[in-house]
């Protein structure tokens, strides 16, 4: 099949060359007087016949060369061909532009060679472009990969920055507002970002403040005072949001839903809300955990001086408290109620609900308070 294609190509090329050049050849041999010879069809047939005779000798080498070239191209890696072709196209484009520019210059010497120059430039620059594209392919690939990785890293950093910004929204629940320690924490600068107070939390605070129970009413008013103090003090911004979830009656679940929607965290000291938020995959900042983390470390074997103030739950136990409110369960402390005694720490229990210290009297001695 390829052999026939080459022979047919020789016929067409021969016919074309015969029409272009044989009339000039006939002029040299004074054949122009014969109308049969001047016929273009005759020139085409003669040119085709001449090239067909040459094809009998040239077809086989050309076919072998094409097959060899095809085999090399099929074995070459795709990137080698791609970058080589790109380089070839760039080289030919430069050759065309240079030839076009020189062709517009009317200088006799340049005009004389403009007919040959485009061919030379196309061959030379095409070859150089192919070689540069082929041999520099690795550098091109690395450059593209570096650009791609740079874009991916930039996108990741932007996503991380967006996520960090969203994490700065910290949603306060009712218990942490009533507790009041959140105001002291924000005043020290340890809590950054935007503090979000949902309207449904304010409504719950108002209901507590309007309660007929004196203790609840005091807690509710304390919570409102804490919010007012946080708004006036220098610290994180307080955002009051009207976002609500009418289909959810419980305030705790509303807080979890709001945290998911805003991509923020819940700030609380409610142990149960802490667990519910963990189950829903919502991050929590527990004020009790923070308070326990900054309490002085107590290790078993350490001596302490405490005042036993009441009975414990178990037999003969007594209960004492440190200044920060940490409960100390004293073994056989029932016999020392109202007394200041020296105790030895036996163990420490740390939970999100608080910290408990277990101790026993030192040498069984007690000191009466005056």
Protein backbone atom coordinates (compact mmCIF):
# COMPACT_ATOMS: atom_id res chain seq x y z
CA UNK A 1 0.00 0.00 0.00
CA UNK A 2 2.75 2.44 0.93
CA UNK A 3 4.66 1.59 -2.25
CA UNK A 4 1.65 2.47 -4.42
CA UNK A 5 1.16 5.74 -2.51
CA UNK A 6 4.79 6.71 -3.19
CA UNK A 7 4.49 5.87 -6.89
CA UNK A 8 1.28 7.89 -7.22
CA UNK A 9 2.99 10.79 -5.44
CA UNK A 10 5.84 10.60 -7.98
CA UNK A 11 3.28 10.74 -10.82
CA UNK A 12 1.63 13.89 -9.44
CA UNK A 13 4.98 15.54 -8.69
CA UNK A 14 6.27 14.63 -12.15
CA UNK A 15 3.17 16.03 -13.84
CA UNK A 16 3.47 19.27 -11.89
CA UNK A 17 7.17 19.66 -12.62
CA UNK A 18 6.52 18.88 -16.31
CA UNK A 19 3.97 21.69 -16.58
CA UNK A 20 6.32 24.12 -14.82
CA UNK A 21 9.70 23.37 -16.37
CA UNK A 22 9.31 21.39 -19.65
CA UNK A 23 8.06 24.41 -21.66
CA UNK A 24 11.29 26.24 -20.79
CA UNK A 25 13.29 23.16 -21.78
CA UNK A 26 11.45 22.95 -25.11
CA UNK A 27 12.36 26.59 -25.77
CA UNK A 28 16.04 25.78 -25.48
CA UNK A 29 15.71 23.03 -28.14
CA UNK A 30 13.46 25.07 -30.47
CA UNK A 31 10.46 22.81 -30.05
CA UNK A 32 8.07 25.70 -29.45
CA UNK A 33 7.01 25.78 -33.07
CA UNK A 34 5.28 22.46 -32.67
CA UNK A 35 1.81 23.06 -31.09
CA UNK A 36 1.68 19.50 -29.84
CA UNK A 37 4.81 20.04 -27.77
CA UNK A 38 3.53 23.30 -26.28
CA UNK A 39 0.40 21.59 -24.97
CA UNK A 40 0.47 21.61 -21.09
CA UNK A 41 -1.16 18.22 -21.02
CA UNK A 42 1.71 16.79 -23.01
CA UNK A 43 4.18 18.42 -20.58
CA UNK A 44 2.34 16.92 -17.63
CA UNK A 45 2.30 13.43 -19.17
CA UNK A 46 6.00 13.60 -20.04
CA UNK A 47 6.94 14.86 -16.56
CA UNK A 48 4.85 12.13 -14.93
CA UNK A 49 6.42 9.48 -17.14
CA UNK A 50 9.94 10.65 -16.30
CA UNK A 51 9.27 10.69 -12.53
CA UNK A 52 7.54 7.30 -12.79
CA UNK A 53 10.68 5.83 -14.29
CA UNK A 54 12.72 7.35 -11.46
CA UNK A 55 10.25 5.91 -8.92
CA UNK A 56 11.17 2.41 -10.06
CA UNK A 57 14.60 3.00 -8.50
CA UNK A 58 13.67 5.37 -5.64
CA UNK A 59 10.43 3.84 -4.32
CA UNK A 60 12.06 1.02 -2.38
CA UNK A 61 14.57 3.26 -0.50
CA UNK A 62 11.82 5.79 0.26
CA UNK A 63 9.49 3.08 1.58
CA UNK A 64 12.25 1.67 3.76
CA UNK A 65 13.07 5.14 5.10
CA UNK A 66 9.40 5.85 5.89
CA UNK A 67 9.06 2.52 7.72
CA UNK A 68 12.24 3.17 9.70
CA UNK A 69 11.02 6.66 10.60
CA UNK A 70 7.59 5.28 11.60
CA UNK A 71 9.20 2.65 13.81
CA UNK A 72 11.35 5.27 15.55
CA UNK A 73 8.39 7.55 16.12
CA UNK A 74 6.26 4.74 17.56
CA UNK A 75 9.01 3.80 20.01
CA UNK A 76 9.69 7.40 21.08
CA UNK A 77 8.02 8.56 24.36
CA UNK A 78 4.98 10.75 23.89
CA UNK A 79 6.55 13.68 25.75
CA UNK A 80 9.62 13.54 23.50
CA UNK A 81 7.41 13.83 20.42
CA UNK A 82 5.23 16.49 22.01
CA UNK A 83 8.01 18.83 23.03
CA UNK A 84 9.97 18.13 19.84
CA UNK A 85 6.93 19.07 17.77
CA UNK A 86 6.37 22.21 19.82
CA UNK A 87 10.01 23.19 19.30
CA UNK A 88 9.70 22.50 15.56
CA UNK A 89 6.61 24.70 15.30
CA UNK A 90 8.35 27.52 17.16
CA UNK A 91 11.41 27.24 14.91
CA UNK A 92 9.32 27.30 11.71
CA UNK A 93 7.34 30.27 13.01
CA UNK A 94 10.55 32.22 13.69
CA UNK A 95 11.87 31.28 10.24
CA UNK A 96 8.66 32.56 8.61
CA UNK A 97 8.78 35.85 10.49
CA UNK A 98 12.46 36.41 9.65
CA UNK A 99 11.91 35.56 5.98
CA UNK A 100 8.89 37.86 5.84
CA UNK A 101 10.89 40.71 7.36
CA UNK A 102 13.83 40.27 5.03
CA UNK A 103 11.55 40.01 2.01
CA UNK A 104 10.31 43.55 2.58
CA UNK A 105 13.88 44.96 2.49
CA UNK A 106 14.84 46.25 -0.98
CA UNK A 107 18.58 45.56 -0.96
CA UNK A 108 19.98 43.93 -4.13
CA UNK A 109 22.11 41.37 -2.32
CA UNK A 110 19.28 40.34 0.01
CA UNK A 111 16.77 40.35 -2.84
CA UNK A 112 18.95 37.89 -4.72
CA UNK A 113 18.93 35.36 -1.93
CA UNK A 114 15.32 35.78 -0.72
CA UNK A 115 14.24 32.90 -2.94
CA UNK A 116 16.64 30.52 -1.14
CA UNK A 117 16.69 32.05 2.34
CA UNK A 118 13.20 30.89 3.50
CA UNK A 119 14.11 27.28 2.75
CA UNK A 120 17.43 27.52 4.58
CA UNK A 121 15.87 29.26 7.59
CA UNK A 122 13.01 26.75 7.77
CA UNK A 123 15.44 23.81 7.74
CA UNK A 124 17.90 25.37 10.19
CA UNK A 125 15.47 26.89 12.70
CA UNK A 126 13.09 23.95 12.42
CA UNK A 127 15.93 21.57 13.29
CA UNK A 128 17.15 23.76 16.15
CA UNK A 129 13.62 24.14 17.52
CA UNK A 130 13.06 20.38 17.45
CA UNK A 131 16.37 19.70 19.20
CA UNK A 132 15.76 22.33 21.89
CA UNK A 133 12.23 21.08 22.57
CA UNK A 134 13.41 17.46 22.62
CA UNK A 135 16.42 17.95 24.88
CA UNK A 136 14.83 20.46 27.23
CA UNK A 137 11.67 18.45 27.78
CA UNK A 138 12.60 17.51 31.37
CA UNK A 139 13.09 21.15 32.31
CA UNK A 140 9.76 22.06 30.73
CA UNK A 141 8.00 19.27 32.63
CA UNK A 142 9.60 20.30 35.93
CA UNK A 143 8.62 23.92 35.31
CA UNK A 144 4.98 22.94 34.66
CA UNK A 145 4.91 20.71 37.73
CA UNK A 146 6.44 23.46 39.88
CA UNK A 147 3.80 25.92 38.67
CA UNK A 148 1.07 23.38 39.36
CA UNK A 149 2.39 22.60 42.84
CA UNK A 150 2.73 26.30 43.59
CA UNK A 151 -0.90 26.83 42.62
CA UNK A 152 -2.00 23.85 44.72
CA UNK A 153 -0.04 25.10 47.75
CA UNK A 154 -1.51 28.56 47.33
CA UNK A 155 -4.99 27.09 47.17
CA UNK A 156 -4.33 24.98 50.28
CA UNK A 157 -3.00 28.00 52.15
CA UNK A 158 -6.08 30.00 51.17
CA UNK A 159 -8.34 27.16 52.32
CA UNK A 160 -6.38 26.91 55.58
CA UNK A 161 -6.66 30.66 56.08
CA UNK A 162 -10.39 30.50 55.40
CA UNK A 163 -10.77 27.59 57.82
CA UNK A 164 -8.71 29.44 60.45
CA UNK A 165 -10.90 32.52 60.02
CA UNK A 166 -14.05 30.46 60.42
CA UNK A 167 -12.61 28.77 63.52
CA UNK A 168 -12.30 32.19 65.11
CA UNK A 169 -16.07 32.23 65.59
CA UNK A 170 -16.62 30.98 69.14
CA UNK A 171 -20.23 30.43 70.14
CA UNK A 172 -21.04 31.02 73.81
CA UNK A 173 -23.65 28.95 75.61
CA UNK A 174 -25.80 30.03 78.56
CA UNK A 175 -23.77 28.27 81.25
CA UNK A 176 -20.46 29.87 80.32
CA UNK A 177 -22.02 33.33 80.27
CA UNK A 178 -23.60 32.87 83.71
CA UNK A 179 -20.32 31.44 85.05
CA UNK A 180 -18.62 34.75 84.28
CA UNK A 181 -15.05 33.49 83.97
CA UNK A 182 -15.24 33.96 80.19
CA UNK A 183 -15.04 37.73 80.73
CA UNK A 184 -11.80 37.41 82.69
CA UNK A 185 -10.32 35.08 80.07
CA UNK A 186 -11.12 37.41 77.19
CA UNK A 187 -9.77 40.38 79.14
CA UNK A 188 -6.37 38.67 79.41
CA UNK A 189 -6.20 38.17 75.63
CA UNK A 190 -6.03 34.37 75.72
CA UNK A 191 -9.29 34.05 73.74
CA UNK A 192 -9.16 35.59 70.26
CA UNK A 193 -11.58 35.93 67.40
CA UNK A 194 -15.28 36.76 67.32
CA UNK A 195 -17.49 35.66 70.21
CA UNK A 196 -20.96 34.75 68.94
CA UNK A 197 -24.00 35.03 71.22
CA UNK A 198 -27.13 33.57 69.57
CA UNK A 199 -30.44 35.31 70.17
CA UNK A 200 -31.93 32.09 71.57
CA UNK A 201 -29.23 32.11 74.27
CA UNK A 202 -30.13 35.72 75.15
CA UNK A 203 -33.78 34.70 75.32
CA UNK A 204 -32.93 31.88 77.72
CA UNK A 205 -30.89 34.28 79.85
CA UNK A 206 -33.81 36.69 79.95
CA UNK A 207 -36.19 33.93 81.05
CA UNK A 208 -33.77 32.95 83.82
CA UNK A 209 -33.43 36.60 84.90
CA UNK A 210 -37.24 36.91 85.07
CA UNK A 211 -37.64 33.69 87.08
CA UNK A 212 -39.54 33.76 90.35
CA UNK A 213 -36.77 31.72 91.93
CA UNK A 214 -34.29 34.09 93.59
CA UNK A 215 -31.21 32.00 92.78
CA UNK A 216 -32.12 31.61 89.11
CA UNK A 217 -32.99 35.29 88.83
CA UNK A 218 -29.59 36.22 90.28
CA UNK A 219 -27.79 33.91 87.83
CA UNK A 220 -29.69 35.32 84.85
CA UNK A 221 -28.94 38.92 85.78
CA UNK A 222 -25.31 38.00 86.38
CA UNK A 223 -25.11 36.54 82.85
CA UNK A 224 -26.57 39.72 81.33
CA UNK A 225 -24.12 41.83 83.31
CA UNK A 226 -21.22 39.68 82.11
CA UNK A 227 -22.23 40.20 78.47
CA UNK A 228 -22.56 43.94 79.03
CA UNK A 229 -19.10 44.02 80.58
CA UNK A 230 -17.61 42.07 77.67
CA UNK A 231 -19.15 44.48 75.18
CA UNK A 232 -17.70 47.55 76.89
CA UNK A 233 -14.23 46.11 77.69
CA UNK A 234 -11.42 45.89 75.16
CA UNK A 235 -11.37 42.35 73.84
CA UNK A 236 -12.86 40.13 71.15
CA UNK A 237 -15.87 41.43 69.26
CA UNK A 238 -19.29 40.26 70.44
CA UNK A 239 -21.59 39.22 67.60
CA UNK A 240 -25.32 38.86 68.34
CA UNK A 241 -26.85 36.62 65.71
CA UNK A 242 -30.55 36.05 65.03
CA UNK A 243 -29.83 32.66 63.48
CA UNK A 244 -32.31 30.13 64.90
CA UNK A 245 -33.52 26.62 64.21
CA UNK A 246 -37.25 26.44 64.75
CA UNK A 247 -37.33 22.67 64.25
CA UNK A 248 -34.95 22.11 67.20
CA UNK A 249 -36.46 22.82 70.65
CA UNK A 250 -33.33 22.20 72.79
CA UNK A 251 -30.86 25.05 73.15
CA UNK A 252 -27.87 22.67 73.28
CA UNK A 253 -28.73 21.13 69.91
CA UNK A 254 -29.28 24.60 68.46
CA UNK A 255 -25.78 25.54 69.56
CA UNK A 256 -24.36 22.44 67.88
CA UNK A 257 -26.28 23.18 64.66
CA UNK A 258 -25.12 26.79 64.67
CA UNK A 259 -21.50 25.76 65.24
CA UNK A 260 -21.69 23.40 62.26
CA UNK A 261 -23.24 26.08 60.05
CA UNK A 262 -20.69 28.75 60.99
CA UNK A 263 -17.76 26.35 61.13
CA UNK A 264 -16.94 27.56 64.64
CA UNK A 265 -16.49 26.20 68.14
CA UNK A 266 -18.77 25.98 71.17
CA UNK A 267 -17.52 27.60 74.36
CA UNK A 268 -19.10 26.04 77.45
CA UNK A 269 -18.56 24.62 80.91
CA UNK A 270 -21.49 22.23 80.58
CA UNK A 271 -20.18 18.67 80.76
CA UNK A 272 -23.20 17.19 78.96
CA UNK A 273 -23.09 19.76 76.13
CA UNK A 274 -19.41 18.96 75.77
CA UNK A 275 -20.23 15.30 75.18
CA UNK A 276 -23.08 16.05 72.75
CA UNK A 277 -20.86 18.37 70.71
CA UNK A 278 -18.14 15.71 70.58
CA UNK A 279 -20.65 13.19 69.24
CA UNK A 280 -21.63 15.63 66.48
CA UNK A 281 -18.00 16.33 65.59
CA UNK A 282 -18.07 19.94 66.81
CA UNK A 283 -14.99 21.33 68.54
CA UNK A 284 -15.49 22.57 72.10
CA UNK A 285 -13.61 24.94 74.38
CA UNK A 286 -14.48 23.90 77.91
CA UNK A 287 -13.78 26.55 80.55
CA UNK A 288 -13.54 23.88 83.24
CA UNK A 289 -10.84 22.09 81.24
CA UNK A 290 -8.94 25.37 81.01
CA UNK A 291 -9.33 26.01 84.74
CA UNK A 292 -8.15 22.51 85.59
CA UNK A 293 -5.19 22.88 83.25
CA UNK A 294 -3.91 26.01 85.00
CA UNK A 295 -4.44 24.73 88.54
CA UNK A 296 -1.30 23.93 90.53
CA UNK A 297 -0.13 20.39 89.99
CA UNK A 298 -0.67 18.09 92.98
CA UNK A 299 1.14 14.76 93.08
CA UNK A 300 0.64 11.76 95.38
CA UNK A 301 2.77 11.98 98.52
CA UNK A 302 2.56 15.78 98.71
CA UNK A 303 1.64 17.35 102.05
CA UNK A 304 -1.25 19.81 102.31
CA UNK A 305 -2.87 21.83 105.09
CA UNK A 306 -6.67 21.86 104.83
CA UNK A 307 -9.81 22.44 106.87
CA UNK A 308 -12.34 19.59 106.91
CA UNK A 309 -15.78 21.19 106.70
CA UNK A 310 -18.28 18.34 106.20
CA UNK A 311 -18.91 14.62 105.87
CA UNK A 312 -18.09 12.74 102.70
CA UNK A 313 -20.33 10.27 100.84
CA UNK A 314 -18.42 7.20 101.97
CA UNK A 315 -17.99 5.90 105.51
CA UNK A 316 -15.84 8.13 107.78
CA UNK A 317 -14.87 10.42 104.88
CA UNK A 318 -14.46 14.16 105.31
CA UNK A 319 -14.50 16.90 102.65
CA UNK A 320 -12.26 19.95 102.41
CA UNK A 321 -11.75 22.56 99.68
CA UNK A 322 -8.81 24.49 98.30
CA UNK A 323 -9.01 28.21 97.60
CA UNK A 324 -9.75 27.53 93.89
CA UNK A 325 -12.69 25.28 94.81
CA UNK A 326 -10.99 21.94 94.28
CA UNK A 327 -12.60 19.29 96.49
CA UNK A 328 -10.39 17.18 98.73
CA UNK A 329 -11.78 13.89 100.02
CA UNK A 330 -10.01 13.04 103.30
CA UNK A 331 -9.97 9.44 104.51
CA UNK A 332 -11.17 9.24 108.15
CA UNK A 333 -11.80 12.99 107.86
CA UNK A 334 -15.16 12.69 109.59
CA UNK A 335 -13.35 12.75 112.94
CA UNK A 336 -11.67 16.05 112.05
CA UNK A 337 -14.66 18.15 110.90
CA UNK A 338 -14.06 21.78 111.77
CA UNK A 339 -10.34 21.23 112.30
CA UNK A 340 -7.30 22.27 110.25
CA UNK A 341 -5.17 19.22 109.65
CA UNK A 342 -2.14 18.17 107.66
CA UNK A 343 -2.93 15.57 105.03
CA UNK A 344 -0.95 13.53 102.53
CA UNK A 345 -2.24 13.27 98.95
CA UNK A 346 -2.91 9.68 97.91
CA UNK A 347 -4.34 10.16 94.40
CA UNK A 348 -5.79 12.77 92.01
CA UNK A 349 -8.82 12.29 89.75
CA UNK A 350 -8.98 14.66 86.73
CA UNK A 351 -12.16 14.92 84.62
CA UNK A 352 -13.87 17.55 82.47
CA UNK A 353 -16.28 18.10 85.33
CA UNK A 354 -13.42 19.05 87.65
CA UNK A 355 -10.62 17.67 89.76
CA UNK A 356 -10.82 15.67 92.96
CA UNK A 357 -7.96 15.06 95.37
CA UNK A 358 -7.94 12.09 97.71
CA UNK A 359 -5.86 12.33 100.88
CA UNK A 360 -5.45 10.90 104.35
CA UNK A 361 -4.46 12.57 107.64
CA UNK A 362 -0.75 12.83 108.22
CA UNK A 363 0.15 10.72 111.28
CA UNK A 364 -3.51 10.84 112.27
CA UNK A 365 -2.99 14.24 113.97
CA UNK A 366 -5.31 17.22 113.84
CA UNK A 367 -4.99 20.84 114.80
CA UNK A 368 -7.89 22.53 116.53
CA UNK A 369 -8.95 25.86 115.10
CA UNK A 370 -9.11 28.76 117.50
